[in-house]
Every structure is written in structure tokens, then in C-alpha cells.
Protein backbone atom coordinates (compact mmCIF):
# COMPACT_ATOMS: atom_id res chain seq x y z
CA MET A 1 -12.06 17.50 18.59
CA ASP A 2 -9.09 19.56 17.40
CA ARG A 3 -5.81 18.11 16.13
CA GLU A 4 -4.05 18.17 19.51
CA GLN A 5 -6.94 16.43 21.21
CA ALA A 6 -7.13 13.87 18.41
CA ILE A 7 -3.43 13.04 18.67
CA GLY A 8 -3.74 12.77 22.43
CA ARG A 9 -6.64 10.36 22.06
CA ILE A 10 -4.66 8.22 19.57
CA VAL A 11 -1.68 8.13 21.94
CA ASP A 12 -3.98 6.98 24.75
CA LEU A 13 -5.51 4.26 22.57
CA MET A 14 -2.14 3.00 21.34
CA SER A 15 -0.61 2.99 24.81
CA LYS A 16 -3.41 0.70 26.06
CA SER A 17 -3.75 -1.54 23.01
CA LYS A 18 -2.05 -4.93 23.05
CA ASN A 19 -2.50 -5.46 19.31
CA THR A 20 -2.45 -2.39 17.06
CA VAL A 21 -2.51 -3.01 13.32
CA VAL A 22 -1.97 -0.36 10.65
CA VAL A 23 -3.57 -0.26 7.20
CA THR A 24 -1.92 2.03 4.63
CA GLY A 25 -2.87 3.33 1.20
CA ALA A 26 -1.44 5.64 -1.42
CA GLY A 27 -1.59 8.72 0.80
CA ILE A 28 1.43 7.64 2.84
CA SER A 29 3.53 7.19 -0.30
CA THR A 30 2.65 10.51 -1.92
CA GLU A 31 4.63 12.11 0.91
CA ALA A 32 7.66 10.18 -0.37
CA GLY A 33 7.15 11.52 -3.90
CA ILE A 34 5.17 8.72 -5.52
CA PRO A 35 2.14 9.90 -7.54
CA ASP A 36 -1.33 8.99 -6.34
CA PHE A 37 -2.93 7.16 -9.27
CA ARG A 38 -6.41 8.18 -8.11
CA GLY A 39 -5.42 11.70 -7.04
CA GLU A 40 -6.37 14.93 -8.79
CA LYS A 41 -3.56 14.57 -11.36
CA GLY A 42 -3.30 10.78 -11.23
CA ILE A 43 -3.54 8.62 -14.33
CA TYR A 44 -6.98 7.32 -13.40
CA ARG A 45 -8.33 10.85 -13.82
CA THR A 46 -6.08 12.12 -16.62
CA LEU A 47 -6.31 9.00 -18.79
CA GLY A 48 -9.59 7.56 -17.60
CA GLU A 49 -9.99 4.64 -15.23
CA GLN A 50 -11.48 2.37 -17.86
CA ARG A 51 -8.47 2.83 -20.17
CA VAL A 52 -6.06 2.06 -17.36
CA MET A 53 -8.05 -1.01 -16.34
CA ASN A 54 -8.07 -2.25 -19.92
CA ILE A 55 -4.25 -2.18 -20.08
CA ILE A 56 -3.09 -2.96 -16.53
CA ASN A 57 -5.05 -6.16 -16.76
CA ILE A 58 -3.91 -9.77 -16.62
CA ASP A 59 -5.71 -10.63 -19.85
CA ALA A 60 -4.13 -7.66 -21.65
CA PHE A 61 -0.71 -8.67 -20.31
CA LYS A 62 -1.10 -12.19 -21.70
CA ARG A 63 -2.64 -11.05 -24.98
CA ASN A 64 -0.29 -8.14 -25.79
CA PRO A 65 2.76 -7.85 -23.51
CA GLU A 66 4.27 -5.18 -25.79
CA ALA A 67 1.34 -2.77 -25.26
CA PHE A 68 1.28 -3.66 -21.56
CA TYR A 69 4.96 -2.87 -21.02
CA GLU A 70 4.84 0.30 -23.10
CA PHE A 71 2.17 1.60 -20.70
CA TYR A 72 3.65 0.07 -17.54
CA ARG A 73 7.15 1.44 -18.12
CA LYS A 74 5.76 4.93 -18.74
CA HIS A 75 3.25 5.18 -15.92
CA PHE A 76 4.17 2.65 -13.21
CA MET A 77 7.97 2.63 -13.04
CA PHE A 78 9.27 5.65 -11.14
CA PRO A 79 12.71 7.04 -10.31
CA PRO A 80 13.93 5.69 -6.95
CA VAL A 81 12.51 7.46 -3.90
CA GLU A 82 13.32 7.16 -0.22
CA PRO A 83 10.78 6.22 2.47
CA SER A 84 8.98 9.22 3.96
CA LYS A 85 9.05 10.27 7.58
CA ALA A 86 5.74 8.45 8.00
CA HIS A 87 7.30 5.15 6.88
CA PHE A 88 10.19 5.55 9.32
CA MET A 89 7.85 6.49 12.19
CA LEU A 90 5.78 3.34 11.65
CA ALA A 91 8.93 1.24 11.63
CA GLU A 92 9.98 2.86 14.89
CA LEU A 93 6.55 2.25 16.43
CA GLU A 94 6.80 -1.41 15.45
CA LYS A 95 10.29 -1.64 16.91
CA ARG A 96 9.01 -0.19 20.19
CA GLY A 97 6.13 -2.68 20.27
CA PHE A 98 3.26 -0.26 19.63
CA VAL A 99 2.49 -1.62 16.14
CA LYS A 100 2.19 -5.36 15.50
CA GLY A 101 1.83 -5.34 11.74
CA ILE A 102 1.01 -3.39 8.58
CA VAL A 103 -1.35 -4.31 5.75
CA THR A 104 -0.62 -2.10 2.75
CA GLN A 105 -2.18 -1.50 -0.63
CA ASN A 106 1.06 0.02 -1.87
CA ILE A 107 3.50 -1.79 -4.17
CA ASP A 108 6.49 0.51 -3.55
CA ASN A 109 8.25 -1.58 -0.85
CA LEU A 110 8.85 1.59 1.21
CA HIS A 111 7.57 0.13 4.49
CA GLN A 112 10.08 -2.71 4.24
CA ARG A 113 12.92 -0.37 3.25
CA ALA A 114 12.12 1.86 6.23
CA GLY A 115 12.57 -1.12 8.56
CA SER A 116 9.05 -2.44 9.17
CA ARG A 117 9.22 -6.22 9.48
CA ASN A 118 5.65 -7.53 9.63
CA VAL A 119 4.27 -6.12 6.37
CA ILE A 120 1.59 -7.72 4.20
CA PRO A 121 1.63 -6.09 0.71
CA ILE A 122 -1.69 -7.29 -0.66
CA HIS A 123 -1.14 -5.76 -4.11
CA GLY A 124 2.36 -7.15 -4.47
CA ASN A 125 5.83 -5.65 -4.76
CA GLY A 126 6.77 -3.45 -7.71
CA ASP A 127 10.47 -4.04 -7.07
CA ARG A 128 10.14 -7.67 -8.20
CA PHE A 129 9.45 -9.25 -11.60
CA ILE A 130 8.71 -12.96 -11.95
CA CYS A 131 9.14 -15.30 -14.89
CA THR A 132 5.79 -16.52 -16.18
CA ARG A 133 7.08 -19.69 -17.83
CA ARG A 134 5.72 -22.77 -16.09
CA GLY A 135 8.33 -24.45 -13.93
CA CYS A 136 10.65 -21.45 -13.78
CA GLY A 137 9.34 -18.57 -11.64
CA HIS A 138 12.76 -16.95 -11.36
CA VAL A 139 12.60 -13.56 -9.61
CA HIS A 140 14.35 -10.50 -11.06
CA PRO A 141 14.87 -7.07 -9.45
CA ALA A 142 13.49 -3.90 -11.00
CA SER A 143 17.04 -2.88 -11.94
CA TYR A 144 17.17 -5.84 -14.36
CA ILE A 145 14.03 -4.61 -16.14
CA GLU A 146 15.23 -1.00 -16.22
CA ALA A 147 18.49 -2.05 -17.88
CA TYR A 148 16.88 -4.58 -20.24
CA PRO A 149 17.54 -3.51 -23.85
CA GLU A 150 14.11 -4.46 -25.21
CA LEU A 151 10.59 -3.34 -24.34
CA VAL A 152 9.38 -6.69 -22.99
CA PRO A 153 11.86 -8.15 -20.48
CA LEU A 154 12.69 -11.84 -20.70
CA CYS A 155 13.98 -14.17 -17.99
CA GLU A 156 17.75 -14.52 -17.91
CA LYS A 157 17.33 -18.18 -16.93
CA CYS A 158 14.85 -19.49 -19.48
CA GLY A 159 13.78 -16.65 -21.78
CA GLY A 160 10.20 -16.54 -20.49
CA ILE A 161 8.30 -13.25 -20.32
CA LEU A 162 8.58 -11.46 -16.98
CA LYS A 163 5.55 -10.09 -15.14
CA PRO A 164 5.61 -7.42 -12.44
CA ASP A 165 4.98 -9.05 -9.07
CA VAL A 166 1.92 -6.84 -8.62
CA VAL A 167 -1.78 -7.58 -8.67
CA LEU A 168 -3.23 -6.62 -12.04
CA PHE A 169 -6.93 -6.10 -12.68
CA GLY A 170 -8.47 -9.52 -13.01
CA GLU A 171 -6.16 -11.11 -10.41
CA HIS A 172 -6.79 -11.97 -6.77
CA ILE A 173 -4.96 -9.98 -4.11
CA HIS A 174 -1.96 -11.56 -2.41
CA HIS A 175 -2.18 -12.91 1.15
CA TYR A 176 -5.98 -12.52 1.33
CA PHE A 177 -6.51 -14.65 4.43
CA ASP A 178 -3.39 -13.42 6.26
CA ALA A 179 -4.40 -9.80 5.70
CA ARG A 180 -7.99 -10.32 6.79
CA ASP A 181 -6.94 -12.30 9.84
CA LEU A 182 -4.39 -9.69 10.95
CA ILE A 183 -6.97 -6.92 10.65
CA LEU A 184 -9.82 -8.75 12.35
CA ARG A 185 -7.62 -9.87 15.26
CA ALA A 186 -6.53 -6.28 15.97
CA LYS A 187 -7.65 -4.51 19.11
CA LEU A 188 -6.90 -1.12 17.54
CA LEU A 189 -6.90 -0.49 13.81
CA VAL A 190 -5.19 2.62 12.40
CA VAL A 191 -5.90 3.47 8.76
CA ILE A 192 -3.41 5.83 7.13
CA GLY A 193 -3.59 7.43 3.70
CA SER A 194 -6.54 5.49 2.31
CA SER A 195 -10.02 6.68 1.36
CA LEU A 196 -11.19 3.08 1.90
CA THR A 197 -12.81 2.69 -1.52
CA VAL A 198 -10.71 -0.19 -2.92
CA TYR A 199 -11.91 -3.69 -2.11
CA PRO A 200 -11.38 -6.18 -0.63
CA LEU A 201 -9.19 -4.25 1.84
CA ALA A 202 -11.91 -1.67 2.47
CA GLY A 203 -14.22 -4.60 3.19
CA PHE A 204 -11.82 -5.97 5.81
CA VAL A 205 -11.76 -2.59 7.57
CA LYS A 206 -15.55 -2.31 7.37
CA GLU A 207 -15.88 -5.80 8.82
CA PHE A 208 -13.55 -4.82 11.68
CA SER A 209 -15.56 -1.65 12.37
CA THR A 210 -18.77 -3.68 12.56
CA PHE A 211 -17.52 -5.73 15.52
CA TYR A 212 -15.08 -3.32 17.19
CA GLN A 213 -15.05 0.41 17.83
CA ASP A 214 -11.34 1.12 18.15
CA LEU A 215 -10.82 2.47 14.63
CA VAL A 216 -8.54 5.45 13.94
CA ILE A 217 -8.27 7.15 10.54
CA ILE A 218 -5.46 9.50 9.49
CA ASN A 219 -6.07 10.73 5.96
CA LYS A 220 -6.30 13.79 3.77
CA GLY A 221 -9.99 14.20 3.01
CA ARG A 222 -12.98 12.05 3.83
CA THR A 223 -13.10 8.27 3.80
CA GLU A 224 -15.96 5.81 3.48
CA LEU A 225 -15.70 4.92 7.18
CA ASP A 226 -15.27 8.31 8.86
CA HIS A 227 -18.58 7.71 10.62
CA ALA A 228 -17.20 4.56 12.28
CA ALA A 229 -13.92 6.05 13.55
CA LEU A 230 -13.30 6.90 17.17
CA VAL A 231 -10.74 9.45 15.96
CA LYS A 232 -10.26 11.03 12.52
CA VAL A 233 -7.28 13.25 11.70
CA ASP A 234 -7.51 15.11 8.38
CA THR A 235 -3.96 15.93 7.30
CA ASP A 236 -1.63 16.08 4.33
CA ASN A 237 1.39 15.59 6.61
CA THR A 238 1.09 12.10 8.03
CA GLY A 239 4.77 12.06 8.92
CA ALA A 240 4.38 14.96 11.35
CA VAL A 241 1.33 13.36 12.98
CA LEU A 242 3.08 10.01 13.45
CA GLU A 243 6.23 11.72 14.71
CA GLU A 244 4.17 13.47 17.39
CA ILE A 245 2.43 10.24 18.34
CA ASN A 246 5.78 8.45 18.56
CA ARG A 247 7.22 11.23 20.71
CA ARG A 248 4.33 11.12 23.19
CA LEU A 249 4.22 7.34 23.58
């Protein structure tokens, strides 16, 4: 089906669904100006995935926080960006009752800043840094780290080393059971901006598609579950697609 037919079909599905859940990946944030790590010019391709994994790793963080922060500050801390149109459209759809929740792989906090309330960020929140000293756990905003005069930021309360509140390689995702439960209880699942290659989230979506058929995918390029989708929209302008869906509902 063409784009207009696909959008019409999505509108019909969302209008009838009593429990629509959205899953988002990096593709929705590239429209806001955040680089896609696995994209054509992303660091996984330019530097090599193995090198990145060897540094953005919980063991590397514990063993050599100086090397970790030198890399993290250069490649993972970006100038402030505003939520994209796609983020605002999803917040509006939630406000109107058409979206019940969002499970996101992204650490940029843009869904929350756009106004979405029921968001499960399974890879954490890059706007937060947490003290690693046992018994402290004090949370610091990214602005504290950006202004910190030394390479490795220390807790203002106890002097412990701060860690980004994000899931590093070697760590379990956050909210595993909540995310899986939200996805599997959905009547309609809409995947946006994800090629569905990163597990365990891709596994949750695959598990959903095994038992239900109401899967929609909006993404630039192919995904691992295109064959299971009722509707697939291939686009590099998710904001425009969601705006049209919101207008028709």
C-alpha cells in the first residue's frame, strides 16, 4: 500500500485500539539533531563497534574512569537539543488517550521533555549522573558534570565517582519486567525509529508479534520484523507522519 493508505490504516487501527503502546529507537531522536550511533556516520561505524563496547562498558568504567570519561564526554554528551515534532506528536496522542505508554531505547529524555508521562527508558537517562559510593547514590544533573572542573566528576555530597545513569555494556537494562509487560499487554504496538536489532527490546517486540498481529512499524529502512507488521511506513520524517495521524484521529 502507498503512504496515504498506510497512514489511513494506522489511523483506523489506533482509533479502535483500547491499548496502544509505542516503542521508540534512535530514529526518532535523529530528527531532533542527536546522532545515530549505529547510523552511516555514527561512532559504531567510524570507530568500530568493538572499540566502543570496550570503553562504554561497566568493567572499563570501574577499572579506568579517566579513559571512560574522556571517551564519554567526547562522544556521548551533546549540546542541548529540543524535542522533535515526532516527540510532541506522541505526547499529544497520549494526552488525547490514543497512546497508553512509550518504551524507549533512547537516553536523551526528549519524550519526557515533550510532555509524555508514561515513559519507560530501558537504557536509562543521560541527563542524570549517580554517585557510585555505597550508601550515597546522590543524583546530579548533566549541568553539574558539564561544569565540573576535572575530567572525572565527583559527588558534591561524599566525593564518590559519578556514573551516567545509562545502561553500559555489561549491565542489565532498566525496568525489564515493566517494559516487557507493557509491550505484551498492548492491543496495538507501534514501533518508531528502530531497526529492531538491539535486544532484549527487539525480543519483546518479536514476542508480541508471535501472539498478536496488530504491529505497526514506522522507520527509515528495513527492520527485522517487517514481515510481521500489518503496516510498514518507510520514512525519514516521522514527525510529519505522526502529525498526519494525529490530525486524522
